[in-house]
C-alpha cells in the first residue's frame, strides 16, 4: 500500500478487499467461528482467489490456467 491520500496506488487493494467482503464476509454468520477457523477460511479464500477464480481480464481463465497458456510455470 502506498502513502495516505493516493487512491490510484491503492486501487488494487481496495478492489480486492471489496470483493473479499462481498464474496466471503457478508454472506456468512461469523458469530460461532473461532479465530483459527476464521484464519483458515480467509487463507482458503485467498488461495482460491489467486489460483482458481475465473477472471474476465485473463480471458475467462483462472490465473493458473492463464500462466499455463503463456508457458509460465506456476
C-alpha atoms as a PDB file:
ATOM      1  CA  UNK A   1       0.000   0.000   0.000  1.00  0.00           C
ATOM      2  CA  UNK A   2       1.169   3.498  -0.644  1.00  0.00           C
ATOM      3  CA  UNK A   3       1.019   6.800   1.122  1.00  0.00           C
ATOM      4  CA  UNK A   4      -2.180   8.189   2.565  1.00  0.00           C
ATOM      5  CA  UNK A   5      -4.412  10.039   0.130  1.00  0.00           C
ATOM      6  CA  UNK A   6      -3.026   8.491  -3.054  1.00  0.00           C
ATOM      7  CA  UNK A   7      -6.047   6.461  -4.094  1.00  0.00           C
ATOM      8  CA  UNK A   8      -4.810   5.327  -7.550  1.00  0.00           C
ATOM      9  CA  UNK A   9      -1.988   3.440  -5.853  1.00  0.00           C
ATOM     10  CA  UNK A  10      -4.447   1.710  -3.536  1.00  0.00           C
ATOM     11  CA  UNK A  11      -6.989   0.728  -6.215  1.00  0.00           C
ATOM     12  CA  UNK A  12      -5.868  -2.909  -6.468  1.00  0.00           C
ATOM     13  CA  UNK A  13      -6.046  -3.395  -2.703  1.00  0.00           C
ATOM     14  CA  UNK A  14      -9.377  -1.613  -2.438  1.00  0.00           C
ATOM     15  CA  UNK A  15     -10.817  -3.777  -5.217  1.00  0.00           C
ATOM     16  CA  UNK A  16      -9.575  -6.993  -3.620  1.00  0.00           C
ATOM     17  CA  UNK A  17     -10.898  -6.130  -0.167  1.00  0.00           C
ATOM     18  CA  UNK A  18     -14.255  -5.119  -1.658  1.00  0.00           C
ATOM     19  CA  UNK A  19     -14.578  -8.497  -3.374  1.00  0.00           C
ATOM     20  CA  UNK A  20     -13.383 -10.291  -0.233  1.00  0.00           C
ATOM     21  CA  UNK A  21     -16.130  -8.664   1.819  1.00  0.00           C
ATOM     22  CA  UNK A  22     -18.814  -9.229  -0.814  1.00  0.00           C
ATOM     23  CA  UNK A  23     -17.939 -12.853  -1.592  1.00  0.00           C
ATOM     24  CA  UNK A  24     -16.756 -14.096   1.813  1.00  0.00           C
ATOM     25  CA  UNK A  25     -17.783 -11.939   4.769  1.00  0.00           C
ATOM     26  CA  UNK A  26     -21.279 -10.598   4.120  1.00  0.00           C
ATOM     27  CA  UNK A  27     -22.953 -13.905   3.133  1.00  0.00           C
ATOM     28  CA  UNK A  28     -21.896 -15.671   6.371  1.00  0.00           C
ATOM     29  CA  UNK A  29     -22.701 -15.593  10.052  1.00  0.00           C
ATOM     30  CA  UNK A  30     -19.364 -15.346  11.891  1.00  0.00           C
ATOM     31  CA  UNK A  31     -20.630 -15.469  15.493  1.00  0.00           C
ATOM     32  CA  UNK A  32     -19.791 -19.139  16.158  1.00  0.00           C
ATOM     33  CA  UNK A  33     -16.433 -19.155  14.364  1.00  0.00           C
ATOM     34  CA  UNK A  34     -13.175 -19.392  16.308  1.00  0.00           C
ATOM     35  CA  UNK A  35     -10.165 -17.281  15.429  1.00  0.00           C
ATOM     36  CA  UNK A  36      -8.350 -20.308  13.995  1.00  0.00           C
ATOM     37  CA  UNK A  37     -11.344 -21.212  11.826  1.00  0.00           C
ATOM     38  CA  UNK A  38     -11.568 -17.611  10.634  1.00  0.00           C
ATOM     39  CA  UNK A  39      -7.886 -17.536   9.677  1.00  0.00           C
ATOM     40  CA  UNK A  40      -8.218 -20.867   7.852  1.00  0.00           C
ATOM     41  CA  UNK A  41     -11.310 -19.637   5.981  1.00  0.00           C
ATOM     42  CA  UNK A  42      -9.646 -16.397   4.878  1.00  0.00           C
ATOM     43  CA  UNK A  43      -6.485 -18.292   3.864  1.00  0.00           C
ATOM     44  CA  UNK A  44      -8.556 -20.724   1.778  1.00  0.00           C
ATOM     45  CA  UNK A  45     -10.366 -17.820   0.098  1.00  0.00           C
ATOM     46  CA  UNK A  46      -7.126 -16.028  -0.762  1.00  0.00           C
ATOM     47  CA  UNK A  47      -5.640 -19.219  -2.238  1.00  0.00           C
ATOM     48  CA  UNK A  48      -8.815 -19.810  -4.284  1.00  0.00           C
ATOM     49  CA  UNK A  49      -8.883 -16.172  -5.410  1.00  0.00           C
ATOM     50  CA  UNK A  50      -5.255 -16.111  -6.532  1.00  0.00           C
ATOM     51  CA  UNK A  51      -5.205 -19.551  -8.165  1.00  0.00           C
ATOM     52  CA  UNK A  52      -8.620 -20.717  -9.336  1.00  0.00           C
ATOM     53  CA  UNK A  53     -11.081 -17.820  -9.556  1.00  0.00           C
ATOM     54  CA  UNK A  54     -12.118 -17.120 -13.154  1.00  0.00           C
ATOM     55  CA  UNK A  55     -11.135 -13.602 -14.199  1.00  0.00           C
ATOM     56  CA  UNK A  56     -12.552 -11.868 -17.268  1.00  0.00           C
ATOM     57  CA  UNK A  57      -9.394  -9.770 -17.590  1.00  0.00           C
ATOM     58  CA  UNK A  58      -7.464 -13.002 -18.221  1.00  0.00           C
ATOM     59  CA  UNK A  59      -9.773 -14.156 -20.998  1.00  0.00           C
ATOM     60  CA  UNK A  60     -12.142 -16.065 -18.682  1.00  0.00           C
ATOM     61  CA  UNK A  61      -9.312 -18.174 -17.324  1.00  0.00           C
ATOM     62  CA  UNK A  62      -8.068 -18.717 -13.816  1.00  0.00           C
ATOM     63  CA  UNK A  63      -4.619 -17.297 -13.040  1.00  0.00           C
ATOM     64  CA  UNK A  64      -3.102 -20.806 -13.130  1.00  0.00           C
ATOM     65  CA  UNK A  65      -4.703 -21.567 -16.492  1.00  0.00           C
ATOM     66  CA  UNK A  66      -3.564 -18.206 -17.858  1.00  0.00           C
ATOM     67  CA  UNK A  67       0.040 -18.766 -16.774  1.00  0.00           C
ATOM     68  CA  UNK A  68      -0.037 -22.249 -18.280  1.00  0.00           C
ATOM     69  CA  UNK A  69      -1.334 -20.850 -21.583  1.00  0.00           C
ATOM     70  CA  UNK A  70       1.652 -18.492 -21.654  1.00  0.00           C
ATOM     71  CA  UNK A  71       4.067 -21.288 -20.813  1.00  0.00           C
ATOM     72  CA  UNK A  72       4.918 -19.783 -17.439  1.00  0.00           C
ATOM     73  CA  UNK A  73       5.442 -22.275 -14.635  1.00  0.00           C
ATOM     74  CA  UNK A  74       3.176 -21.778 -11.634  1.00  0.00           C
END
